[in-house]
Amino acid sequence: MGKLASGLAGLALAALLTGCGSEAAPAPTSTPSITTSPTRSPTPTASATPTPPVMPNTAMQHTEAGAKAFALYVVDLVNYSFRSLDPHRLEMLATKYCKNCRGGTNGVRKIAERRGTVAGGLWTVTSLNASKLAVAGNPVAVTFAFDAAAETVTYPDGKSDTYAGGKGRDRLVLTPTSDGWQIADWTVMQ
């Protein structure tokens, strides 16, 4: 996506993830996968204070369909985090080993610390593919393609950073938990 200016922390989660590596990526062997097109896309809120998304019950099921619903919820949280400048909900979904997740949430924090505002940049998922991985713990990999809208981050000192947006493709490795899923790894593929 080309959104990361070197040394500038956190202008969009995709940008932050691009520069980070993974600490706990299993060497997966995937089983046959199911590909579907999502039936929804995030809708920006008109209110001054964004409303956090609600995790659908389907996203708590330990199935490929549940993993896809969880991945859509994660994208909704990415959009919410940059609108509210509150990464807490997104942080709670990641294991401590998900370096890319920490990079993204730290980026949101840095924008907030500088009292920046984010306009645009919403992600819209265009396709999802989930497959069970043949490793211990029954993880599921969800690969998703998305369109990212153009984005501008503006700071009180008058400085701003603008990004053209574009298409992206990411992969989440999700591990089952007692109350749904947790992100073990986030890989930027494009």
C-alpha atoms as a PDB file:
ATOM      1  CA  MET A   1       0.000   0.000   0.000  1.00  0.00           C
ATOM      2  CA  GLY A   2       2.984   2.336   0.404  1.00  0.00           C
ATOM      3  CA  LYS A   3       1.451   4.307   3.277  1.00  0.00           C
ATOM      4  CA  LEU A   4       4.347   4.156   5.717  1.00  0.00           C
ATOM      5  CA  ALA A   5       6.721   7.075   5.852  1.00  0.00           C
ATOM      6  CA  SER A   6       9.918   5.774   7.413  1.00  0.00           C
ATOM      7  CA  GLY A   7      10.120   6.561  11.103  1.00  0.00           C
ATOM      8  CA  LEU A   8       6.553   7.887  11.260  1.00  0.00           C
ATOM      9  CA  ALA A   9       4.615   5.686  13.625  1.00  0.00           C
ATOM     10  CA  GLY A  10       1.053   4.839  13.037  1.00  0.00           C
ATOM     11  CA  LEU A  11      -0.835   6.412  10.240  1.00  0.00           C
ATOM     12  CA  ALA A  12      -2.803   3.367   9.250  1.00  0.00           C
ATOM     13  CA  LEU A  13      -2.695  -0.159  10.541  1.00  0.00           C
ATOM     14  CA  ALA A  14      -1.803  -1.509   7.103  1.00  0.00           C
ATOM     15  CA  ALA A  15       1.210   0.761   6.972  1.00  0.00           C
ATOM     16  CA  LEU A  16       2.372  -0.162  10.415  1.00  0.00           C
ATOM     17  CA  LEU A  17       1.990  -3.843   9.755  1.00  0.00           C
ATOM     18  CA  THR A  18       4.039  -3.630   6.580  1.00  0.00           C
ATOM     19  CA  GLY A  19       7.211  -2.826   8.499  1.00  0.00           C
ATOM     20  CA  CYS A  20       6.803  -5.431  11.230  1.00  0.00           C
ATOM     21  CA  GLY A  21       7.761  -9.063  11.380  1.00  0.00           C
ATOM     22  CA  SER A  22       6.032 -11.924  13.066  1.00  0.00           C
ATOM     23  CA  GLU A  23       7.345 -13.605  16.175  1.00  0.00           C
ATOM     24  CA  ALA A  24       5.084 -16.640  16.321  1.00  0.00           C
ATOM     25  CA  ALA A  25       4.237 -17.633  12.795  1.00  0.00           C
ATOM     26  CA  PRO A  26       3.708 -21.385  12.623  1.00  0.00           C
ATOM     27  CA  ALA A  27       4.927 -23.233   9.589  1.00  0.00           C
ATOM     28  CA  PRO A  28       1.416 -24.124   8.484  1.00  0.00           C
ATOM     29  CA  THR A  29       0.187 -26.753   6.148  1.00  0.00           C
ATOM     30  CA  SER A  30      -3.302 -25.816   5.125  1.00  0.00           C
ATOM     31  CA  THR A  31      -6.211 -28.094   4.549  1.00  0.00           C
ATOM     32  CA  PRO A  32      -8.650 -27.335   1.733  1.00  0.00           C
ATOM     33  CA  SER A  33     -10.106 -23.871   2.091  1.00  0.00           C
ATOM     34  CA  ILE A  34     -13.449 -22.247   1.530  1.00  0.00           C
ATOM     35  CA  THR A  35     -13.592 -18.881  -0.204  1.00  0.00           C
ATOM     36  CA  THR A  36     -16.560 -16.558   0.061  1.00  0.00           C
ATOM     37  CA  SER A  37     -17.294 -12.940  -0.595  1.00  0.00           C
ATOM     38  CA  PRO A  38     -18.297 -10.902   2.420  1.00  0.00           C
ATOM     39  CA  THR A  39     -21.827  -9.593   2.547  1.00  0.00           C
ATOM     40  CA  ARG A  40     -21.096  -6.381   4.380  1.00  0.00           C
ATOM     41  CA  SER A  41     -18.608  -3.569   4.535  1.00  0.00           C
ATOM     42  CA  PRO A  42     -17.858  -1.095   7.288  1.00  0.00           C
ATOM     43  CA  THR A  43     -20.028   1.963   7.460  1.00  0.00           C
ATOM     44  CA  PRO A  44     -18.478   5.141   8.808  1.00  0.00           C
ATOM     45  CA  THR A  45     -20.302   6.753  11.675  1.00  0.00           C
ATOM     46  CA  ALA A  46     -21.603  10.314  11.407  1.00  0.00           C
ATOM     47  CA  SER A  47     -21.327  10.969  15.128  1.00  0.00           C
ATOM     48  CA  ALA A  48     -18.432  12.856  16.708  1.00  0.00           C
ATOM     49  CA  THR A  49     -17.667   9.826  18.858  1.00  0.00           C
ATOM     50  CA  PRO A  50     -17.470   6.569  16.886  1.00  0.00           C
ATOM     51  CA  THR A  51     -19.432   3.625  18.212  1.00  0.00           C
ATOM     52  CA  PRO A  52     -17.378   0.470  18.744  1.00  0.00           C
ATOM     53  CA  PRO A  53     -18.428  -2.496  16.632  1.00  0.00           C
ATOM     54  CA  VAL A  54     -20.142  -5.423  18.302  1.00  0.00           C
ATOM     55  CA  MET A  55     -18.697  -8.880  17.790  1.00  0.00           C
ATOM     56  CA  PRO A  56     -21.319 -11.109  16.151  1.00  0.00           C
ATOM     57  CA  ASN A  57     -22.088 -14.438  17.852  1.00  0.00           C
ATOM     58  CA  THR A  58     -20.883 -16.255  14.732  1.00  0.00           C
ATOM     59  CA  ALA A  59     -17.393 -14.849  15.354  1.00  0.00           C
ATOM     60  CA  MET A  60     -17.148 -16.871  18.571  1.00  0.00           C
ATOM     61  CA  GLN A  61     -17.652 -20.218  16.840  1.00  0.00           C
ATOM     62  CA  HIS A  62     -14.575 -22.375  16.272  1.00  0.00           C
ATOM     63  CA  THR A  63     -15.323 -22.998  12.617  1.00  0.00           C
ATOM     64  CA  GLU A  64     -13.980 -21.554   9.396  1.00  0.00           C
ATOM     65  CA  ALA A  65     -17.167 -19.477   9.134  1.00  0.00           C
ATOM     66  CA  GLY A  66     -16.585 -18.246  12.697  1.00  0.00           C
ATOM     67  CA  ALA A  67     -12.989 -17.334  11.874  1.00  0.00           C
ATOM     68  CA  LYS A  68     -14.145 -15.337   8.838  1.00  0.00           C
ATOM     69  CA  ALA A  69     -16.747 -13.500  10.932  1.00  0.00           C
ATOM     70  CA  PHE A  70     -14.035 -12.752  13.499  1.00  0.00           C
ATOM     71  CA  ALA A  71     -11.714 -11.406  10.775  1.00  0.00           C
ATOM     72  CA  LEU A  72     -14.474  -9.051   9.583  1.00  0.00           C
ATOM     73  CA  TYR A  73     -14.915  -7.903  13.182  1.00  0.00           C
ATOM     74  CA  VAL A  74     -11.161  -7.256  13.421  1.00  0.00           C
ATOM     75  CA  VAL A  75     -11.313  -5.049  10.314  1.00  0.00           C
ATOM     76  CA  ASP A  76     -14.247  -3.174  11.857  1.00  0.00           C
ATOM     77  CA  LEU A  77     -12.071  -2.668  14.957  1.00  0.00           C
ATOM     78  CA  VAL A  78      -9.185  -1.378  12.836  1.00  0.00           C
ATOM     79  CA  ASN A  79     -11.544   1.217  11.355  1.00  0.00           C
ATOM     80  CA  TYR A  80     -12.943   2.050  14.804  1.00  0.00           C
ATOM     81  CA  SER A  81      -9.473   2.321  16.392  1.00  0.00           C
ATOM     82  CA  PHE A  82      -8.334   4.942  13.910  1.00  0.00           C
ATOM     83  CA  ARG A  83     -11.590   6.909  14.193  1.00  0.00           C
ATOM     84  CA  SER A  84     -11.662   6.873  18.007  1.00  0.00           C
ATOM     85  CA  LEU A  85      -7.859   6.792  18.481  1.00  0.00           C
ATOM     86  CA  ASP A  86      -8.517   4.044  21.042  1.00  0.00           C
ATOM     87  CA  PRO A  87      -6.631   0.806  20.299  1.00  0.00           C
ATOM     88  CA  HIS A  88      -7.701  -1.007  23.495  1.00  0.00           C
ATOM     89  CA  ARG A  89     -10.372  -3.256  21.943  1.00  0.00           C
ATOM     90  CA  LEU A  90      -8.037  -4.289  19.152  1.00  0.00           C
ATOM     91  CA  GLU A  91      -5.204  -4.981  21.611  1.00  0.00           C
ATOM     92  CA  MET A  92      -7.413  -7.320  23.622  1.00  0.00           C
ATOM     93  CA  LEU A  93      -7.810  -9.613  20.603  1.00  0.00           C
ATOM     94  CA  ALA A  94      -4.106 -10.239  20.015  1.00  0.00           C
ATOM     95  CA  THR A  95      -1.658 -12.562  21.694  1.00  0.00           C
ATOM     96  CA  LYS A  96       1.451 -11.031  23.177  1.00  0.00           C
ATOM     97  CA  TYR A  97       3.387 -12.643  20.320  1.00  0.00           C
ATOM     98  CA  CYS A  98       1.583 -10.747  17.535  1.00  0.00           C
ATOM     99  CA  LYS A  99       4.237  -8.165  16.775  1.00  0.00           C
ATOM    100  CA  ASN A 100       2.271  -6.684  13.868  1.00  0.00           C
ATOM    101  CA  CYS A 101      -0.764  -6.209  16.103  1.00  0.00           C
ATOM    102  CA  ARG A 102       1.331  -4.263  18.619  1.00  0.00           C
ATOM    103  CA  GLY A 103       2.804  -2.151  15.819  1.00  0.00           C
ATOM    104  CA  GLY A 104      -0.648  -1.150  14.650  1.00  0.00           C
ATOM    105  CA  THR A 105      -2.034  -0.342  18.077  1.00  0.00           C
ATOM    106  CA  ASN A 106       1.120   1.588  19.004  1.00  0.00           C
ATOM    107  CA  GLY A 107       0.638   3.633  15.855  1.00  0.00           C
ATOM    108  CA  VAL A 108      -2.895   4.569  16.935  1.00  0.00           C
ATOM    109  CA  ARG A 109      -1.492   5.608  20.325  1.00  0.00           C
ATOM    110  CA  LYS A 110       1.143   7.823  18.721  1.00  0.00           C
ATOM    111  CA  ILE A 111      -1.452   9.648  16.634  1.00  0.00           C
ATOM    112  CA  ALA A 112      -3.518  10.147  19.800  1.00  0.00           C
ATOM    113  CA  GLU A 113      -0.471  11.382  21.762  1.00  0.00           C
ATOM    114  CA  ARG A 114       0.151  13.988  19.080  1.00  0.00           C
ATOM    115  CA  ARG A 115      -3.571  14.858  19.200  1.00  0.00           C
ATOM    116  CA  GLY A 116      -3.971  13.978  15.545  1.00  0.00           C
ATOM    117  CA  THR A 117      -7.178  13.307  13.703  1.00  0.00           C
ATOM    118  CA  VAL A 118      -7.731  10.742  10.984  1.00  0.00           C
ATOM    119  CA  ALA A 119      -9.977  11.327   7.984  1.00  0.00           C
ATOM    120  CA  GLY A 120     -10.660   8.562   5.484  1.00  0.00           C
ATOM    121  CA  GLY A 121      -8.607   5.400   5.465  1.00  0.00           C
ATOM    122  CA  LEU A 122     -11.515   3.029   6.084  1.00  0.00           C
ATOM    123  CA  TRP A 123     -10.927  -0.553   5.039  1.00  0.00           C
ATOM    124  CA  THR A 124     -13.602  -2.436   3.103  1.00  0.00           C
ATOM    125  CA  VAL A 125     -13.114  -6.196   2.861  1.00  0.00           C
ATOM    126  CA  THR A 126     -13.593  -7.490  -0.684  1.00  0.00           C
ATOM    127  CA  SER A 127     -12.898 -11.210  -0.172  1.00  0.00           C
ATOM    128  CA  LEU A 128     -12.157 -13.754   2.556  1.00  0.00           C
ATOM    129  CA  ASN A 129     -10.578 -17.196   2.509  1.00  0.00           C
ATOM    130  CA  ALA A 130     -10.310 -19.362   5.630  1.00  0.00           C
ATOM    131  CA  SER A 131      -8.411 -22.609   6.063  1.00  0.00           C
ATOM    132  CA  LYS A 132      -7.596 -24.775   9.043  1.00  0.00           C
ATOM    133  CA  LEU A 133      -3.883 -25.183   9.681  1.00  0.00           C
ATOM    134  CA  ALA A 134      -2.413 -28.598  10.332  1.00  0.00           C
ATOM    135  CA  VAL A 135      -0.536 -27.607  13.496  1.00  0.00           C
ATOM    136  CA  ALA A 136      -1.210 -27.960  17.215  1.00  0.00           C
ATOM    137  CA  GLY A 137      -3.844 -25.709  18.717  1.00  0.00           C
ATOM    138  CA  ASN A 138      -6.296 -25.885  15.788  1.00  0.00           C
ATOM    139  CA  PRO A 139      -5.541 -22.430  14.358  1.00  0.00           C
ATOM    140  CA  VAL A 140      -7.312 -21.094  11.301  1.00  0.00           C
ATOM    141  CA  ALA A 141      -5.700 -18.794   8.742  1.00  0.00           C
ATOM    142  CA  VAL A 142      -7.933 -16.125   7.258  1.00  0.00           C
ATOM    143  CA  THR A 143      -6.636 -14.286   4.223  1.00  0.00           C
ATOM    144  CA  PHE A 144      -8.588 -11.215   3.251  1.00  0.00           C
ATOM    145  CA  ALA A 145      -8.360  -8.650   0.492  1.00  0.00           C
ATOM    146  CA  PHE A 146      -9.501  -5.108   1.132  1.00  0.00           C
ATOM    147  CA  ASP A 147      -9.754  -1.647  -0.341  1.00  0.00           C
ATOM    148  CA  ALA A 148      -8.352   1.146   1.829  1.00  0.00           C
ATOM    149  CA  ALA A 149      -9.732   4.622   1.209  1.00  0.00           C
ATOM    150  CA  ALA A 150      -7.405   7.614   0.917  1.00  0.00           C
ATOM    151  CA  GLU A 151      -6.414   8.926   4.331  1.00  0.00           C
ATOM    152  CA  THR A 152      -5.218  12.153   5.894  1.00  0.00           C
ATOM    153  CA  VAL A 153      -3.822  12.456   9.407  1.00  0.00           C
ATOM    154  CA  THR A 154      -3.845  16.054  10.632  1.00  0.00           C
ATOM    155  CA  TYR A 155      -2.044  17.374  13.710  1.00  0.00           C
ATOM    156  CA  PRO A 156      -2.699  20.530  15.771  1.00  0.00           C
ATOM    157  CA  ASP A 157       0.584  22.082  14.596  1.00  0.00           C
ATOM    158  CA  GLY A 158      -0.869  22.186  11.076  1.00  0.00           C
ATOM    159  CA  LYS A 159       1.207  19.305   9.747  1.00  0.00           C
ATOM    160  CA  SER A 160      -0.552  16.469   7.996  1.00  0.00           C
ATOM    161  CA  ASP A 161       0.251  13.214   6.280  1.00  0.00           C
ATOM    162  CA  THR A 162      -1.785  12.050   3.314  1.00  0.00           C
ATOM    163  CA  TYR A 163      -1.926   8.551   1.869  1.00  0.00           C
ATOM    164  CA  ALA A 164      -3.484   7.534  -1.415  1.00  0.00           C
ATOM    165  CA  GLY A 165      -5.112   4.339  -0.183  1.00  0.00           C
ATOM    166  CA  GLY A 166      -5.340   1.302  -2.389  1.00  0.00           C
ATOM    167  CA  LYS A 167      -5.755  -2.429  -2.292  1.00  0.00           C
ATOM    168  CA  GLY A 168      -4.270  -4.715   0.344  1.00  0.00           C
ATOM    169  CA  ARG A 169      -4.149  -8.362   1.222  1.00  0.00           C
ATOM    170  CA  ASP A 170      -3.475  -9.595   4.752  1.00  0.00           C
ATOM    171  CA  ARG A 171      -3.441 -12.896   6.584  1.00  0.00           C
ATOM    172  CA  LEU A 172      -4.525 -13.492  10.166  1.00  0.00           C
ATOM    173  CA  VAL A 173      -3.651 -16.660  12.042  1.00  0.00           C
ATOM    174  CA  LEU A 174      -6.353 -17.131  14.657  1.00  0.00           C
ATOM    175  CA  THR A 175      -6.186 -19.453  17.641  1.00  0.00           C
ATOM    176  CA  PRO A 176      -9.333 -20.658  19.391  1.00  0.00           C
ATOM    177  CA  THR A 177     -10.012 -19.424  22.929  1.00  0.00           C
ATOM    178  CA  SER A 178     -12.771 -20.157  25.423  1.00  0.00           C
ATOM    179  CA  ASP A 179     -14.686 -17.082  24.233  1.00  0.00           C
ATOM    180  CA  GLY A 180     -13.889 -17.052  20.516  1.00  0.00           C
ATOM    181  CA  TRP A 181     -10.559 -16.335  18.822  1.00  0.00           C
ATOM    182  CA  GLN A 182      -7.304 -14.516  19.368  1.00  0.00           C
ATOM    183  CA  ILE A 183      -4.923 -13.145  16.724  1.00  0.00           C
ATOM    184  CA  ALA A 184      -1.647 -15.078  16.916  1.00  0.00           C
ATOM    185  CA  ASP A 185      -0.119 -13.547  13.790  1.00  0.00           C
ATOM    186  CA  TRP A 186      -0.924 -10.813  11.276  1.00  0.00           C
ATOM    187  CA  THR A 187       0.967 -10.857   7.997  1.00  0.00           C
ATOM    188  CA  VAL A 188       0.761  -8.148   5.352  1.00  0.00           C
ATOM    189  CA  MET A 189       0.874  -9.959   2.031  1.00  0.00           C
ATOM    190  CA  GLN A 190       0.433  -7.008  -0.330  1.00  0.00           C
END
